[in-house]
N, C-alpha and C. Protein backbone atom coordinates (compact mmCIF):
# COMPACT_ATOMS: atom_id res chain seq x y z
N MET A 1 149.07 37.30 4.62
CA MET A 1 150.51 37.38 4.70
C MET A 1 151.00 36.50 5.86
N THR A 2 152.05 35.74 5.61
CA THR A 2 152.60 34.85 6.62
C THR A 2 153.50 35.65 7.56
N SER A 3 153.36 35.41 8.85
CA SER A 3 154.22 36.07 9.84
C SER A 3 155.64 35.53 9.73
N ARG A 4 156.60 36.40 10.00
CA ARG A 4 158.00 35.99 10.05
C ARG A 4 158.43 36.04 11.50
N TYR A 5 159.10 34.99 11.93
CA TYR A 5 159.50 34.87 13.31
C TYR A 5 160.97 35.19 13.51
N ASP A 6 161.66 35.62 12.46
CA ASP A 6 163.09 35.92 12.56
C ASP A 6 163.39 37.41 12.56
N LEU A 7 162.38 38.23 12.37
CA LEU A 7 162.58 39.68 12.35
C LEU A 7 161.97 40.29 13.61
N PRO A 8 162.65 41.25 14.19
CA PRO A 8 162.20 41.80 15.47
C PRO A 8 161.02 42.76 15.34
N GLU A 9 160.30 42.89 16.44
CA GLU A 9 159.34 43.97 16.58
C GLU A 9 160.07 45.05 17.37
N THR A 10 160.24 46.21 16.78
CA THR A 10 160.96 47.27 17.47
C THR A 10 159.99 48.10 18.30
N ASP A 11 160.53 48.72 19.31
CA ASP A 11 159.77 49.68 20.11
C ASP A 11 160.66 50.90 20.29
N ALA A 12 160.20 51.89 21.00
CA ALA A 12 160.95 53.13 21.16
C ALA A 12 162.32 52.88 21.79
N PHE A 13 162.41 51.95 22.72
CA PHE A 13 163.68 51.69 23.38
C PHE A 13 164.66 50.93 22.49
N THR A 14 164.21 49.89 21.78
CA THR A 14 165.13 49.07 20.99
C THR A 14 165.38 49.61 19.58
N ARG A 15 164.67 50.67 19.21
CA ARG A 15 164.81 51.22 17.86
C ARG A 15 166.27 51.55 17.52
N ALA A 16 167.03 52.13 18.45
CA ALA A 16 168.43 52.47 18.19
C ALA A 16 169.24 51.22 17.87
N TYR A 17 168.98 50.13 18.59
CA TYR A 17 169.69 48.87 18.36
C TYR A 17 169.43 48.35 16.94
N TRP A 18 168.15 48.28 16.56
CA TRP A 18 167.81 47.72 15.26
C TRP A 18 168.18 48.64 14.10
N GLU A 19 168.13 49.95 14.31
CA GLU A 19 168.59 50.87 13.26
C GLU A 19 170.09 50.71 13.03
N ALA A 20 170.86 50.57 14.11
CA ALA A 20 172.30 50.35 13.99
C ALA A 20 172.57 49.02 13.27
N ALA A 21 171.84 47.98 13.62
CA ALA A 21 172.02 46.68 12.97
C ALA A 21 171.73 46.78 11.47
N ALA A 22 170.71 47.55 11.10
CA ALA A 22 170.40 47.73 9.68
C ALA A 22 171.54 48.43 8.95
N GLU A 23 172.35 49.20 9.69
CA GLU A 23 173.52 49.88 9.13
C GLU A 23 174.79 49.03 9.23
N GLY A 24 174.67 47.81 9.79
CA GLY A 24 175.84 46.94 9.92
C GLY A 24 176.66 47.20 11.17
N ARG A 25 176.02 47.72 12.22
CA ARG A 25 176.72 47.98 13.49
C ARG A 25 176.01 47.24 14.61
N LEU A 26 176.80 46.63 15.50
CA LEU A 26 176.25 45.91 16.65
C LEU A 26 176.40 46.78 17.89
N LEU A 27 175.27 47.06 18.54
CA LEU A 27 175.28 47.86 19.76
C LEU A 27 175.05 46.97 20.98
N ILE A 28 175.69 47.35 22.08
CA ILE A 28 175.44 46.74 23.38
C ILE A 28 175.17 47.87 24.36
N ARG A 29 174.80 47.54 25.57
CA ARG A 29 174.60 48.55 26.61
C ARG A 29 175.72 48.40 27.62
N ARG A 30 176.23 49.55 28.13
CA ARG A 30 177.25 49.54 29.17
C ARG A 30 176.76 50.40 30.33
N CYS A 31 176.99 49.89 31.53
CA CYS A 31 176.56 50.56 32.75
C CYS A 31 177.60 51.60 33.16
N GLY A 32 177.14 52.81 33.42
CA GLY A 32 178.03 53.88 33.89
C GLY A 32 178.40 53.72 35.35
N ALA A 33 177.60 52.96 36.11
CA ALA A 33 177.86 52.79 37.54
C ALA A 33 178.88 51.69 37.81
N CYS A 34 178.68 50.49 37.22
CA CYS A 34 179.60 49.37 37.50
C CYS A 34 180.54 49.08 36.34
N GLY A 35 180.28 49.70 35.16
CA GLY A 35 181.17 49.55 34.02
C GLY A 35 180.98 48.29 33.20
N ARG A 36 180.04 47.44 33.57
CA ARG A 36 179.86 46.17 32.84
C ARG A 36 178.91 46.33 31.67
N ALA A 37 179.23 45.60 30.60
CA ALA A 37 178.39 45.59 29.41
C ALA A 37 177.36 44.49 29.53
N HIS A 38 176.22 44.67 28.86
CA HIS A 38 175.20 43.62 28.84
C HIS A 38 174.48 43.57 27.49
N HIS A 39 173.92 42.44 27.23
CA HIS A 39 173.10 42.21 26.05
C HIS A 39 172.11 41.13 26.44
N TYR A 40 170.93 41.20 26.20
CA TYR A 40 170.11 41.98 25.31
C TYR A 40 169.90 43.37 25.91
N PRO A 41 169.56 44.35 25.07
CA PRO A 41 169.41 45.72 25.56
C PRO A 41 168.31 45.84 26.61
N ARG A 42 168.67 46.49 27.72
CA ARG A 42 167.71 46.77 28.80
C ARG A 42 167.89 48.21 29.24
N GLU A 43 166.91 48.74 29.89
CA GLU A 43 166.96 50.13 30.34
C GLU A 43 167.65 50.27 31.69
N PHE A 44 168.14 49.17 32.23
CA PHE A 44 168.85 49.18 33.52
C PHE A 44 169.93 48.12 33.47
N CYS A 45 170.90 48.21 34.35
CA CYS A 45 171.98 47.23 34.42
C CYS A 45 171.46 45.97 35.14
N PRO A 46 171.60 44.80 34.52
CA PRO A 46 171.11 43.58 35.17
C PRO A 46 172.02 43.12 36.32
N ARG A 47 173.16 43.78 36.51
CA ARG A 47 174.08 43.40 37.58
C ARG A 47 173.89 44.27 38.84
N CYS A 48 173.87 45.60 38.64
CA CYS A 48 173.78 46.49 39.81
C CYS A 48 172.46 47.27 39.84
N TRP A 49 171.62 47.10 38.83
CA TRP A 49 170.30 47.71 38.73
C TRP A 49 170.33 49.22 38.46
N SER A 50 171.49 49.76 38.16
CA SER A 50 171.58 51.18 37.84
C SER A 50 170.85 51.49 36.54
N GLU A 51 170.26 52.65 36.47
CA GLU A 51 169.63 53.10 35.22
C GLU A 51 170.59 53.94 34.39
N ASP A 52 171.84 54.06 34.83
CA ASP A 52 172.86 54.81 34.11
C ASP A 52 173.53 53.89 33.08
N VAL A 53 172.77 53.56 32.03
CA VAL A 53 173.28 52.69 30.97
C VAL A 53 173.24 53.42 29.64
N ARG A 54 174.24 53.14 28.80
CA ARG A 54 174.37 53.84 27.52
C ARG A 54 174.63 52.84 26.40
N TRP A 55 174.23 53.24 25.19
CA TRP A 55 174.56 52.45 24.00
C TRP A 55 176.04 52.58 23.72
N GLU A 56 176.64 51.49 23.25
CA GLU A 56 178.05 51.46 22.87
C GLU A 56 178.19 50.53 21.67
N GLU A 57 178.99 50.93 20.69
CA GLU A 57 179.21 50.06 19.55
C GLU A 57 180.17 48.95 19.94
N ALA A 58 179.77 47.72 19.70
CA ALA A 58 180.60 46.55 20.00
C ALA A 58 181.61 46.34 18.88
N SER A 59 182.69 45.64 19.19
CA SER A 59 183.74 45.37 18.20
C SER A 59 183.28 44.41 17.12
N GLY A 60 182.28 43.58 17.43
CA GLY A 60 181.84 42.57 16.47
C GLY A 60 182.61 41.27 16.59
N ARG A 61 183.58 41.21 17.49
CA ARG A 61 184.35 39.99 17.72
C ARG A 61 183.68 39.17 18.82
N ALA A 62 183.76 37.85 18.68
CA ALA A 62 183.15 36.96 19.67
C ALA A 62 183.83 35.60 19.61
N SER A 63 183.53 34.78 20.59
CA SER A 63 183.97 33.38 20.54
C SER A 63 182.73 32.50 20.75
N LEU A 64 182.77 31.34 20.13
CA LEU A 64 181.63 30.43 20.19
C LEU A 64 181.57 29.76 21.55
N TYR A 65 180.45 29.92 22.24
CA TYR A 65 180.24 29.31 23.55
C TYR A 65 179.58 27.93 23.40
N THR A 66 178.46 27.89 22.68
CA THR A 66 177.77 26.62 22.44
C THR A 66 176.92 26.76 21.19
N TRP A 67 176.45 25.63 20.67
CA TRP A 67 175.67 25.64 19.44
C TRP A 67 174.84 24.37 19.34
N SER A 68 173.88 24.41 18.43
CA SER A 68 173.05 23.25 18.12
C SER A 68 172.64 23.35 16.66
N VAL A 69 172.73 22.23 15.95
CA VAL A 69 172.28 22.20 14.56
C VAL A 69 170.78 21.90 14.58
N VAL A 70 170.01 22.81 14.01
CA VAL A 70 168.56 22.68 13.97
C VAL A 70 168.17 22.06 12.64
N HIS A 71 167.52 20.91 12.70
CA HIS A 71 167.13 20.20 11.48
C HIS A 71 165.65 20.40 11.14
N ARG A 72 164.88 20.87 12.12
CA ARG A 72 163.45 21.07 11.84
C ARG A 72 162.96 22.29 12.61
N ASN A 73 162.28 23.18 11.88
CA ASN A 73 161.66 24.34 12.47
C ASN A 73 160.53 24.75 11.52
N ASP A 74 159.32 24.65 11.97
CA ASP A 74 158.17 24.90 11.11
C ASP A 74 157.78 26.38 11.01
N LEU A 75 158.41 27.24 11.80
CA LEU A 75 158.06 28.66 11.76
C LEU A 75 158.72 29.34 10.57
N PRO A 76 157.97 30.17 9.83
CA PRO A 76 158.56 30.87 8.69
C PRO A 76 159.57 31.91 9.16
N PRO A 77 160.68 32.08 8.52
CA PRO A 77 161.19 31.38 7.35
C PRO A 77 162.19 30.29 7.71
N PHE A 78 162.23 29.85 8.96
CA PHE A 78 163.24 28.90 9.40
C PHE A 78 163.20 27.58 8.65
N GLY A 79 162.01 27.12 8.28
CA GLY A 79 161.90 25.86 7.55
C GLY A 79 162.71 25.85 6.28
N GLU A 80 162.79 27.02 5.62
CA GLU A 80 163.57 27.14 4.38
C GLU A 80 165.07 27.13 4.65
N ARG A 81 165.48 27.37 5.89
CA ARG A 81 166.91 27.48 6.23
C ARG A 81 167.49 26.20 6.81
N THR A 82 166.66 25.25 7.15
CA THR A 82 167.18 24.06 7.81
C THR A 82 168.06 23.26 6.87
N PRO A 83 169.09 22.61 7.39
CA PRO A 83 169.57 22.78 8.76
C PRO A 83 170.34 24.09 8.92
N TYR A 84 170.27 24.65 10.12
CA TYR A 84 171.04 25.84 10.44
C TYR A 84 171.62 25.68 11.84
N VAL A 85 172.56 26.56 12.18
CA VAL A 85 173.25 26.44 13.46
C VAL A 85 172.82 27.58 14.38
N ALA A 86 172.05 27.23 15.41
CA ALA A 86 171.70 28.18 16.47
C ALA A 86 172.87 28.20 17.44
N ALA A 87 173.28 29.39 17.87
CA ALA A 87 174.49 29.49 18.68
C ALA A 87 174.35 30.51 19.79
N VAL A 88 175.21 30.37 20.77
CA VAL A 88 175.40 31.37 21.82
C VAL A 88 176.87 31.74 21.75
N VAL A 89 177.13 33.05 21.67
CA VAL A 89 178.51 33.53 21.57
C VAL A 89 178.84 34.43 22.74
N ASP A 90 180.13 34.46 23.09
CA ASP A 90 180.63 35.40 24.08
C ASP A 90 181.22 36.58 23.33
N LEU A 91 180.58 37.73 23.44
CA LEU A 91 181.09 38.93 22.80
C LEU A 91 182.41 39.34 23.45
N ALA A 92 183.30 39.95 22.69
CA ALA A 92 184.59 40.39 23.22
C ALA A 92 184.42 41.33 24.40
N GLU A 93 183.32 42.06 24.43
CA GLU A 93 183.04 43.01 25.50
C GLU A 93 182.51 42.33 26.77
N GLY A 94 182.22 41.02 26.70
CA GLY A 94 181.79 40.29 27.88
C GLY A 94 180.43 39.61 27.83
N PRO A 95 179.39 40.26 27.30
CA PRO A 95 178.08 39.62 27.34
C PRO A 95 177.97 38.41 26.42
N ARG A 96 177.04 37.54 26.75
CA ARG A 96 176.68 36.42 25.87
C ARG A 96 175.50 36.85 25.02
N MET A 97 175.43 36.27 23.82
CA MET A 97 174.39 36.64 22.88
C MET A 97 173.91 35.41 22.12
N ALA A 98 172.60 35.22 22.02
CA ALA A 98 172.02 34.17 21.18
C ALA A 98 172.02 34.68 19.75
N THR A 99 172.35 33.80 18.81
CA THR A 99 172.49 34.20 17.42
C THR A 99 172.42 32.99 16.52
N GLU A 100 172.81 33.18 15.28
CA GLU A 100 172.95 32.08 14.32
C GLU A 100 174.36 32.11 13.78
N LEU A 101 174.95 30.94 13.60
CA LEU A 101 176.28 30.80 13.02
C LEU A 101 176.12 30.49 11.54
N VAL A 102 176.72 31.31 10.68
CA VAL A 102 176.56 31.16 9.23
C VAL A 102 177.93 31.00 8.59
N GLY A 103 177.93 30.58 7.34
CA GLY A 103 179.16 30.47 6.59
C GLY A 103 179.76 29.08 6.68
N GLU A 104 181.09 29.02 6.51
CA GLU A 104 181.79 27.76 6.52
C GLU A 104 182.65 27.61 7.74
N GLY A 105 182.79 26.39 8.22
CA GLY A 105 183.65 26.10 9.36
C GLY A 105 183.04 25.05 10.24
N GLU A 106 183.87 24.39 11.01
CA GLU A 106 183.42 23.36 11.95
C GLU A 106 183.20 24.00 13.31
N PRO A 107 181.99 24.01 13.83
CA PRO A 107 181.77 24.61 15.15
C PRO A 107 182.61 23.91 16.21
N ARG A 108 183.28 24.71 17.01
CA ARG A 108 183.98 24.19 18.18
C ARG A 108 184.05 25.30 19.22
N ALA A 109 183.90 24.91 20.45
CA ALA A 109 183.90 25.88 21.55
C ALA A 109 185.16 26.72 21.49
N GLY A 110 184.99 28.02 21.63
CA GLY A 110 186.12 28.94 21.63
C GLY A 110 186.52 29.45 20.26
N ALA A 111 185.90 28.95 19.18
CA ALA A 111 186.25 29.41 17.83
C ALA A 111 186.05 30.93 17.74
N GLU A 112 186.98 31.60 17.06
CA GLU A 112 186.89 33.04 16.88
C GLU A 112 185.87 33.37 15.80
N LEU A 113 184.98 34.32 16.13
CA LEU A 113 183.89 34.69 15.24
C LEU A 113 183.87 36.20 15.02
N GLU A 114 183.12 36.60 13.99
CA GLU A 114 182.89 38.02 13.73
C GLU A 114 181.43 38.19 13.32
N VAL A 115 180.90 39.36 13.64
CA VAL A 115 179.51 39.64 13.33
C VAL A 115 179.33 39.88 11.83
N ALA A 116 178.19 39.47 11.34
CA ALA A 116 177.73 39.76 9.98
C ALA A 116 176.25 40.11 10.15
N PHE A 117 175.63 40.60 9.12
CA PHE A 117 174.22 40.98 9.24
C PHE A 117 173.43 40.41 8.09
N ARG A 118 172.27 39.85 8.41
CA ARG A 118 171.35 39.33 7.40
C ARG A 118 170.02 40.03 7.63
N GLU A 119 169.60 40.81 6.65
CA GLU A 119 168.34 41.56 6.74
C GLU A 119 168.26 42.38 8.02
N GLY A 120 169.38 42.98 8.43
CA GLY A 120 169.40 43.82 9.60
C GLY A 120 169.41 43.08 10.93
N VAL A 121 169.68 41.77 10.89
CA VAL A 121 169.76 40.96 12.11
C VAL A 121 171.20 40.46 12.26
N PRO A 122 171.81 40.66 13.44
CA PRO A 122 173.19 40.18 13.61
C PRO A 122 173.25 38.66 13.66
N VAL A 123 174.16 38.11 12.87
CA VAL A 123 174.52 36.70 12.87
C VAL A 123 176.04 36.65 12.97
N PHE A 124 176.61 35.50 13.20
CA PHE A 124 178.07 35.41 13.31
C PHE A 124 178.62 34.38 12.36
N ARG A 125 179.86 34.60 11.94
CA ARG A 125 180.59 33.68 11.07
C ARG A 125 182.00 33.55 11.62
N PHE A 126 182.72 32.54 11.14
CA PHE A 126 184.10 32.37 11.57
C PHE A 126 184.91 33.58 11.15
N ALA A 127 185.78 34.03 12.03
CA ALA A 127 186.60 35.22 11.75
C ALA A 127 187.50 34.94 10.56
N ARG A 128 187.59 35.90 9.69
CA ARG A 128 188.47 35.77 8.53
C ARG A 128 189.90 35.72 9.00
N GLY A 129 190.65 34.79 8.42
CA GLY A 129 192.04 34.63 8.83
C GLY A 129 192.17 33.78 10.08
N GLY A 130 191.04 33.39 10.68
CA GLY A 130 191.07 32.59 11.90
C GLY A 130 191.19 31.11 11.61
N ASP A 131 190.12 30.47 11.13
CA ASP A 131 190.09 29.02 10.97
C ASP A 131 190.27 28.57 9.53
N GLU A 132 190.55 29.48 8.59
CA GLU A 132 190.57 29.08 7.19
C GLU A 132 191.65 28.08 6.85
N GLY A 133 192.78 28.10 7.56
CA GLY A 133 193.85 27.14 7.27
C GLY A 133 193.68 25.83 8.00
N ASP A 134 192.63 25.67 8.75
CA ASP A 134 192.40 24.48 9.56
C ASP A 134 192.02 23.31 8.65
N PRO A 135 192.81 22.22 8.64
CA PRO A 135 192.48 21.09 7.77
C PRO A 135 191.19 20.39 8.17
N ASP A 136 190.73 20.59 9.40
CA ASP A 136 189.48 19.97 9.85
C ASP A 136 188.27 20.83 9.52
N ARG A 137 188.50 21.95 8.88
CA ARG A 137 187.40 22.86 8.56
C ARG A 137 186.42 22.17 7.63
N ARG A 138 185.18 22.14 8.04
CA ARG A 138 184.11 21.56 7.25
C ARG A 138 183.00 22.56 7.09
N ARG A 139 182.13 22.29 6.18
CA ARG A 139 181.06 23.23 5.89
C ARG A 139 179.95 23.15 6.93
N LEU A 140 179.50 24.32 7.38
CA LEU A 140 178.31 24.38 8.24
C LEU A 140 177.11 24.02 7.37
N PRO A 141 176.04 23.58 8.00
CA PRO A 141 174.82 23.38 7.21
C PRO A 141 174.49 24.66 6.45
N LYS A 142 174.09 24.52 5.20
CA LYS A 142 173.80 25.68 4.37
C LYS A 142 172.65 26.47 4.96
N ALA A 143 172.88 27.76 5.14
CA ALA A 143 171.82 28.64 5.65
C ALA A 143 171.04 29.14 4.47
N GLY A 144 169.80 28.78 4.38
CA GLY A 144 168.94 29.22 3.28
C GLY A 144 168.68 30.71 3.38
N GLY A 145 168.23 31.27 2.30
CA GLY A 145 167.92 32.69 2.30
C GLY A 145 169.16 33.55 2.21
N GLY A 146 170.31 32.93 1.94
CA GLY A 146 171.54 33.69 1.76
C GLY A 146 172.25 33.94 3.05
N ALA A 147 173.31 33.23 3.27
CA ALA A 147 174.14 33.45 4.46
C ALA A 147 174.93 34.72 4.27
N ALA A 148 175.17 35.40 5.35
CA ALA A 148 175.94 36.65 5.29
C ALA A 148 177.38 36.36 4.98
């Protein structure tokens, strides 16, 4: 069996995150001491080091921070998806998140995005009602394996 490099290995701590993602919900962690949200999930706050952190459902809204079109990736199943758009987004709650940009639209810094899920993994697409009337809107590279 070929290994897949796009699906997570869960452990006792991240299980809540991945179970929520499988249900179509994006979770982040918020610190009870300083009030700041963070992502990727950690058992402590990366800002103040408090262990008083809790799961919180994120709104799913984000803006595009940066991106790169990937034309070659030999790891399964990425080769079947090329070209695809690897991206970093700023979640509405504050944290940055590495992800994939799927669907249609021209990537540009600050573009409004919304979360979608592919096989229980959060990906982002242009927000509905956001860029659809944009005459410069162009198609993103087709994401193989079915874009969300």
